[in-house]
Amino acid sequence: VITWGEKISKSKKGTNYNTKSVQQICPKTLDIINIFSSIKEAKKITGAGSIPSVLCGDCKTSGGYIWKYTK
């Protein structure tokens, strides 16, 4: 018996969501340190939890870095 959650997971498998890449920027030098393919990846690797808040302008930094969408 397949549960409803498993049906949803199977239907979403391989789905390519339109994610925006983000830049990790040093606040002192304003140099780009790294570019991540998504906010989720950046949060996972850096541990910076409030990246979306920086991107929308609510805060200036997250995890000690400035974050911007790539162009």
PDB file of N, CA and C in Angstrom:
ATOM      1  N   VAL A   1       0.853  -1.174   0.000  1.00  0.00           N
ATOM      2  CA  VAL A   1       0.000   0.000   0.000  1.00  0.00           C
ATOM      3  C   VAL A   1       0.900   1.238   0.000  1.00  0.00           C
ATOM      4  N   ILE A   2       0.662   2.138  -0.948  1.00  0.00           N
ATOM      5  CA  ILE A   2       1.434   3.379  -1.054  1.00  0.00           C
ATOM      6  C   ILE A   2       0.658   4.491  -0.368  1.00  0.00           C
ATOM      7  N   THR A   3       1.336   5.188   0.533  1.00  0.00           N
ATOM      8  CA  THR A   3       0.688   6.283   1.257  1.00  0.00           C
ATOM      9  C   THR A   3       0.615   7.527   0.374  1.00  0.00           C
ATOM     10  N   TRP A   4      -0.198   8.475   0.816  1.00  0.00           N
ATOM     11  CA  TRP A   4      -0.356   9.723   0.075  1.00  0.00           C
ATOM     12  C   TRP A   4       0.973  10.460  -0.034  1.00  0.00           C
ATOM     13  N   GLY A   5       1.768  10.500   1.043  1.00  0.00           N
ATOM     14  CA  GLY A   5       3.062  11.177   1.044  1.00  0.00           C
ATOM     15  C   GLY A   5       4.029  10.553   0.053  1.00  0.00           C
ATOM     16  N   GLU A   6       4.011   9.229  -0.063  1.00  0.00           N
ATOM     17  CA  GLU A   6       4.893   8.549  -1.018  1.00  0.00           C
ATOM     18  C   GLU A   6       4.481   8.863  -2.455  1.00  0.00           C
ATOM     19  N   LYS A   7       3.168   8.995  -2.704  1.00  0.00           N
ATOM     20  CA  LYS A   7       2.705   9.367  -4.038  1.00  0.00           C
ATOM     21  C   LYS A   7       3.215  10.751  -4.412  1.00  0.00           C
ATOM     22  N   ILE A   8       3.142  11.677  -3.472  1.00  0.00           N
ATOM     23  CA  ILE A   8       3.615  13.042  -3.717  1.00  0.00           C
ATOM     24  C   ILE A   8       5.116  13.028  -3.978  1.00  0.00           C
ATOM     25  N   SER A   9       5.874  12.302  -3.156  1.00  0.00           N
ATOM     26  CA  SER A   9       7.326  12.233  -3.326  1.00  0.00           C
ATOM     27  C   SER A   9       7.692  11.685  -4.698  1.00  0.00           C
ATOM     28  N   LYS A  10       6.999  10.639  -5.131  1.00  0.00           N
ATOM     29  CA  LYS A  10       7.290  10.052  -6.436  1.00  0.00           C
ATOM     30  C   LYS A  10       6.928  11.003  -7.573  1.00  0.00           C
ATOM     31  N   SER A  11       5.862  11.762  -7.405  1.00  0.00           N
ATOM     32  CA  SER A  11       5.440  12.669  -8.466  1.00  0.00           C
ATOM     33  C   SER A  11       6.388  13.861  -8.589  1.00  0.00           C
ATOM     34  N   LYS A  12       7.053  14.247  -7.514  1.00  0.00           N
ATOM     35  CA  LYS A  12       7.971  15.393  -7.515  1.00  0.00           C
ATOM     36  C   LYS A  12       9.405  14.984  -7.848  1.00  0.00           C
ATOM     37  N   LYS A  13       9.687  13.692  -7.866  1.00  0.00           N
ATOM     38  CA  LYS A  13      11.043  13.209  -8.089  1.00  0.00           C
ATOM     39  C   LYS A  13      11.538  13.646  -9.472  1.00  0.00           C
ATOM     40  N   GLY A  14      12.716  14.245  -9.500  1.00  0.00           N
ATOM     41  CA  GLY A  14      13.299  14.682 -10.760  1.00  0.00           C
ATOM     42  C   GLY A  14      12.787  16.031 -11.226  1.00  0.00           C
ATOM     43  N   THR A  15      11.943  16.664 -10.420  1.00  0.00           N
ATOM     44  CA  THR A  15      11.410  17.965 -10.794  1.00  0.00           C
ATOM     45  C   THR A  15      12.497  19.012 -10.677  1.00  0.00           C
ATOM     46  N   ASN A  16      12.611  19.845 -11.675  1.00  0.00           N
ATOM     47  CA  ASN A  16      13.601  20.916 -11.673  1.00  0.00           C
ATOM     48  C   ASN A  16      12.906  22.215 -11.296  1.00  0.00           C
ATOM     49  N   TYR A  17      13.111  22.655 -10.060  1.00  0.00           N
ATOM     50  CA  TYR A  17      12.512  23.905  -9.610  1.00  0.00           C
ATOM     51  C   TYR A  17      13.381  25.066 -10.069  1.00  0.00           C
ATOM     52  N   ASN A  18      12.758  26.197 -10.316  1.00  0.00           N
ATOM     53  CA  ASN A  18      13.501  27.387 -10.722  1.00  0.00           C
ATOM     54  C   ASN A  18      14.128  28.012  -9.484  1.00  0.00           C
ATOM     55  N   THR A  19      15.366  27.637  -9.196  1.00  0.00           N
ATOM     56  CA  THR A  19      16.063  28.193  -8.055  1.00  0.00           C
ATOM     57  C   THR A  19      17.043  29.250  -8.528  1.00  0.00           C
ATOM     58  N   LYS A  20      17.261  30.237  -7.693  1.00  0.00           N
ATOM     59  CA  LYS A  20      18.213  31.292  -8.005  1.00  0.00           C
ATOM     60  C   LYS A  20      19.499  31.012  -7.248  1.00  0.00           C
ATOM     61  N   SER A  21      20.623  31.244  -7.896  1.00  0.00           N
ATOM     62  CA  SER A  21      21.893  31.071  -7.216  1.00  0.00           C
ATOM     63  C   SER A  21      22.175  32.311  -6.369  1.00  0.00           C
ATOM     64  N   VAL A  22      22.949  32.114  -5.297  1.00  0.00           N
ATOM     65  CA  VAL A  22      23.263  33.193  -4.378  1.00  0.00           C
ATOM     66  C   VAL A  22      24.767  33.317  -4.192  1.00  0.00           C
ATOM     67  N   GLN A  23      25.199  34.548  -3.933  1.00  0.00           N
ATOM     68  CA  GLN A  23      26.608  34.840  -3.706  1.00  0.00           C
ATOM     69  C   GLN A  23      26.847  35.047  -2.213  1.00  0.00           C
ATOM     70  N   GLN A  24      27.937  34.476  -1.720  1.00  0.00           N
ATOM     71  CA  GLN A  24      28.386  34.694  -0.352  1.00  0.00           C
ATOM     72  C   GLN A  24      29.478  35.763  -0.429  1.00  0.00           C
ATOM     73  N   ILE A  25      29.279  36.883   0.250  1.00  0.00           N
ATOM     74  CA  ILE A  25      30.171  38.029   0.109  1.00  0.00           C
ATOM     75  C   ILE A  25      30.784  38.406   1.458  1.00  0.00           C
ATOM     76  N   CYS A  26      32.087  38.669   1.461  1.00  0.00           N
ATOM     77  CA  CYS A  26      32.790  39.112   2.668  1.00  0.00           C
ATOM     78  C   CYS A  26      32.346  40.537   2.993  1.00  0.00           C
ATOM     79  N   PRO A  27      31.873  40.792   4.221  1.00  0.00           N
ATOM     80  CA  PRO A  27      31.397  42.131   4.551  1.00  0.00           C
ATOM     81  C   PRO A  27      32.510  43.180   4.650  1.00  0.00           C
ATOM     82  N   LYS A  28      33.749  42.754   4.875  1.00  0.00           N
ATOM     83  CA  LYS A  28      34.857  43.709   5.013  1.00  0.00           C
ATOM     84  C   LYS A  28      35.414  44.135   3.657  1.00  0.00           C
ATOM     85  N   THR A  29      35.645  43.163   2.775  1.00  0.00           N
ATOM     86  CA  THR A  29      36.272  43.462   1.484  1.00  0.00           C
ATOM     87  C   THR A  29      35.281  43.535   0.333  1.00  0.00           C
ATOM     88  N   LEU A  30      34.056  43.045   0.555  1.00  0.00           N
ATOM     89  CA  LEU A  30      33.002  42.948  -0.458  1.00  0.00           C
ATOM     90  C   LEU A  30      33.391  42.033  -1.625  1.00  0.00           C
ATOM     91  N   ASP A  31      34.338  41.129  -1.374  1.00  0.00           N
ATOM     92  CA  ASP A  31      34.717  40.124  -2.371  1.00  0.00           C
ATOM     93  C   ASP A  31      33.738  38.960  -2.320  1.00  0.00           C
ATOM     94  N   ILE A  32      33.452  38.387  -3.479  1.00  0.00           N
ATOM     95  CA  ILE A  32      32.598  37.202  -3.548  1.00  0.00           C
ATOM     96  C   ILE A  32      33.435  36.007  -3.099  1.00  0.00           C
ATOM     97  N   ILE A  33      32.988  35.337  -2.064  1.00  0.00           N
ATOM     98  CA  ILE A  33      33.701  34.191  -1.518  1.00  0.00           C
ATOM     99  C   ILE A  33      33.293  32.911  -2.229  1.00  0.00           C
ATOM    100  N   ASN A  34      31.986  32.772  -2.448  1.00  0.00           N
ATOM    101  CA  ASN A  34      31.467  31.537  -3.036  1.00  0.00           C
ATOM    102  C   ASN A  34      30.137  31.840  -3.718  1.00  0.00           C
ATOM    103  N   ILE A  35      29.767  30.994  -4.664  1.00  0.00           N
ATOM    104  CA  ILE A  35      28.458  31.077  -5.313  1.00  0.00           C
ATOM    105  C   ILE A  35      27.792  29.720  -5.150  1.00  0.00           C
ATOM    106  N   PHE A  36      26.581  29.742  -4.634  1.00  0.00           N
ATOM    107  CA  PHE A  36      25.818  28.516  -4.407  1.00  0.00           C
ATOM    108  C   PHE A  36      24.648  28.467  -5.380  1.00  0.00           C
ATOM    109  N   SER A  37      24.269  27.273  -5.783  1.00  0.00           N
ATOM    110  CA  SER A  37      23.200  27.121  -6.769  1.00  0.00           C
ATOM    111  C   SER A  37      21.811  27.409  -6.190  1.00  0.00           C
ATOM    112  N   SER A  38      21.692  27.401  -4.858  1.00  0.00           N
ATOM    113  CA  SER A  38      20.408  27.685  -4.227  1.00  0.00           C
ATOM    114  C   SER A  38      20.615  28.142  -2.789  1.00  0.00           C
ATOM    115  N   ILE A  39      19.580  28.726  -2.218  1.00  0.00           N
ATOM    116  CA  ILE A  39      19.632  29.123  -0.812  1.00  0.00           C
ATOM    117  C   ILE A  39      19.766  27.886   0.065  1.00  0.00           C
ATOM    118  N   LYS A  40      19.065  26.846  -0.294  1.00  0.00           N
ATOM    119  CA  LYS A  40      19.104  25.610   0.479  1.00  0.00           C
ATOM    120  C   LYS A  40      20.525  25.058   0.550  1.00  0.00           C
ATOM    121  N   GLU A  41      21.226  25.051  -0.579  1.00  0.00           N
ATOM    122  CA  GLU A  41      22.607  24.566  -0.600  1.00  0.00           C
ATOM    123  C   GLU A  41      23.498  25.455   0.258  1.00  0.00           C
ATOM    124  N   ALA A  42      23.323  26.771   0.151  1.00  0.00           N
ATOM    125  CA  ALA A  42      24.133  27.716   0.923  1.00  0.00           C
ATOM    126  C   ALA A  42      23.915  27.518   2.423  1.00  0.00           C
ATOM    127  N   LYS A  43      22.661  27.342   2.819  1.00  0.00           N
ATOM    128  CA  LYS A  43      22.348  27.125   4.234  1.00  0.00           C
ATOM    129  C   LYS A  43      22.959  25.823   4.732  1.00  0.00           C
ATOM    130  N   LYS A  44      22.884  24.782   3.915  1.00  0.00           N
ATOM    131  CA  LYS A  44      23.399  23.472   4.301  1.00  0.00           C
ATOM    132  C   LYS A  44      24.918  23.509   4.487  1.00  0.00           C
ATOM    133  N   ILE A  45      25.625  24.161   3.580  1.00  0.00           N
ATOM    134  CA  ILE A  45      27.085  24.169   3.617  1.00  0.00           C
ATOM    135  C   ILE A  45      27.631  25.157   4.650  1.00  0.00           C
ATOM    136  N   THR A  46      27.026  26.346   4.743  1.00  0.00           N
ATOM    137  CA  THR A  46      27.571  27.378   5.624  1.00  0.00           C
ATOM    138  C   THR A  46      26.956  27.400   7.015  1.00  0.00           C
ATOM    139  N   GLY A  47      25.751  26.872   7.144  1.00  0.00           N
ATOM    140  CA  GLY A  47      25.058  26.913   8.425  1.00  0.00           C
ATOM    141  C   GLY A  47      24.389  28.252   8.705  1.00  0.00           C
ATOM    142  N   ALA A  48      24.439  29.176   7.753  1.00  0.00           N
ATOM    143  CA  ALA A  48      23.801  30.481   7.911  1.00  0.00           C
ATOM    144  C   ALA A  48      22.297  30.307   7.734  1.00  0.00           C
ATOM    145  N   GLY A  49      21.537  30.560   8.783  1.00  0.00           N
ATOM    146  CA  GLY A  49      20.117  30.249   8.759  1.00  0.00           C
ATOM    147  C   GLY A  49      19.196  31.301   8.189  1.00  0.00           C
ATOM    148  N   SER A  50      19.590  32.565   8.221  1.00  0.00           N
ATOM    149  CA  SER A  50      18.650  33.608   7.807  1.00  0.00           C
ATOM    150  C   SER A  50      19.043  34.265   6.485  1.00  0.00           C
ATOM    151  N   ILE A  51      19.542  33.487   5.554  1.00  0.00           N
ATOM    152  CA  ILE A  51      19.916  34.000   4.229  1.00  0.00           C
ATOM    153  C   ILE A  51      18.721  34.659   3.533  1.00  0.00           C
ATOM    154  N   PRO A  52      17.526  34.055   3.557  1.00  0.00           N
ATOM    155  CA  PRO A  52      16.384  34.712   2.905  1.00  0.00           C
ATOM    156  C   PRO A  52      16.081  36.098   3.485  1.00  0.00           C
ATOM    157  N   SER A  53      16.307  36.285   4.782  1.00  0.00           N
ATOM    158  CA  SER A  53      16.072  37.591   5.410  1.00  0.00           C
ATOM    159  C   SER A  53      17.039  38.641   4.876  1.00  0.00           C
ATOM    160  N   VAL A  54      18.270  38.235   4.595  1.00  0.00           N
ATOM    161  CA  VAL A  54      19.249  39.165   4.017  1.00  0.00           C
ATOM    162  C   VAL A  54      18.860  39.491   2.578  1.00  0.00           C
ATOM    163  N   LEU A  55      18.450  38.483   1.840  1.00  0.00           N
ATOM    164  CA  LEU A  55      18.101  38.683   0.432  1.00  0.00           C
ATOM    165  C   LEU A  55      16.891  39.598   0.249  1.00  0.00           C
ATOM    166  N   CYS A  56      15.968  39.582   1.194  1.00  0.00           N
ATOM    167  CA  CYS A  56      14.793  40.454   1.068  1.00  0.00           C
ATOM    168  C   CYS A  56      14.989  41.794   1.766  1.00  0.00           C
ATOM    169  N   GLY A  57      16.138  41.979   2.417  1.00  0.00           N
ATOM    170  CA  GLY A  57      16.461  43.269   3.010  1.00  0.00           C
ATOM    171  C   GLY A  57      16.090  43.439   4.469  1.00  0.00           C
ATOM    172  N   ASP A  58      15.642  42.383   5.134  1.00  0.00           N
ATOM    173  CA  ASP A  58      15.281  42.486   6.546  1.00  0.00           C
ATOM    174  C   ASP A  58      16.500  42.601   7.453  1.00  0.00           C
ATOM    175  N   CYS A  59      17.615  41.957   7.089  1.00  0.00           N
ATOM    176  CA  CYS A  59      18.866  42.063   7.853  1.00  0.00           C
ATOM    177  C   CYS A  59      20.023  42.272   6.891  1.00  0.00           C
ATOM    178  N   LYS A  60      21.158  42.653   7.453  1.00  0.00           N
ATOM    179  CA  LYS A  60      22.318  42.953   6.618  1.00  0.00           C
ATOM    180  C   LYS A  60      23.193  41.728   6.366  1.00  0.00           C
ATOM    181  N   THR A  61      23.321  40.861   7.375  1.00  0.00           N
ATOM    182  CA  THR A  61      24.184  39.689   7.227  1.00  0.00           C
ATOM    183  C   THR A  61      23.527  38.452   7.826  1.00  0.00           C
ATOM    184  N   SER A  62      24.039  37.303   7.413  1.00  0.00           N
ATOM    185  CA  SER A  62      23.657  36.019   7.988  1.00  0.00           C
ATOM    186  C   SER A  62      24.904  35.151   8.007  1.00  0.00           C
ATOM    187  N   GLY A  63      25.209  34.596   9.159  1.00  0.00           N
ATOM    188  CA  GLY A  63      26.409  33.779   9.287  1.00  0.00           C
ATOM    189  C   GLY A  63      27.685  34.596   9.135  1.00  0.00           C
ATOM    190  N   GLY A  64      27.564  35.921   9.299  1.00  0.00           N
ATOM    191  CA  GLY A  64      28.720  36.795   9.181  1.00  0.00           C
ATOM    192  C   GLY A  64      29.019  37.234   7.754  1.00  0.00           C
ATOM    193  N   TYR A  65      28.119  36.937   6.823  1.00  0.00           N
ATOM    194  CA  TYR A  65      28.341  37.271   5.418  1.00  0.00           C
ATOM    195  C   TYR A  65      27.164  38.032   4.838  1.00  0.00           C
ATOM    196  N   ILE A  66      27.443  38.773   3.782  1.00  0.00           N
ATOM    197  CA  ILE A  66      26.410  39.425   2.991  1.00  0.00           C
ATOM    198  C   ILE A  66      25.992  38.424   1.922  1.00  0.00           C
ATOM    199  N   TRP A  67      24.710  38.396   1.602  1.00  0.00           N
ATOM    200  CA  TRP A  67      24.196  37.456   0.593  1.00  0.00           C
ATOM    201  C   TRP A  67      23.438  38.234  -0.472  1.00  0.00           C
ATOM    202  N   LYS A  68      23.693  37.894  -1.736  1.00  0.00           N
ATOM    203  CA  LYS A  68      22.986  38.515  -2.857  1.00  0.00           C
ATOM    204  C   LYS A  68      22.675  37.454  -3.904  1.00  0.00           C
ATOM    205  N   TYR A  69      21.583  37.682  -4.629  1.00  0.00           N
ATOM    206  CA  TYR A  69      21.292  36.816  -5.764  1.00  0.00           C
ATOM    207  C   TYR A  69      22.297  37.099  -6.872  1.00  0.00           C
ATOM    208  N   THR A  70      22.682  36.075  -7.611  1.00  0.00           N
ATOM    209  CA  THR A  70      23.541  36.296  -8.764  1.00  0.00           C
ATOM    210  C   THR A  70      22.695  36.843  -9.901  1.00  0.00           C
ATOM    211  N   LYS A  71      23.344  37.504 -10.821  1.00  0.00           N
ATOM    212  CA  LYS A  71      22.605  38.109 -11.946  1.00  0.00           C
ATOM    213  C   LYS A  71      22.647  37.249 -13.160  1.00  0.00           C
TER     214      LYS A  71
END
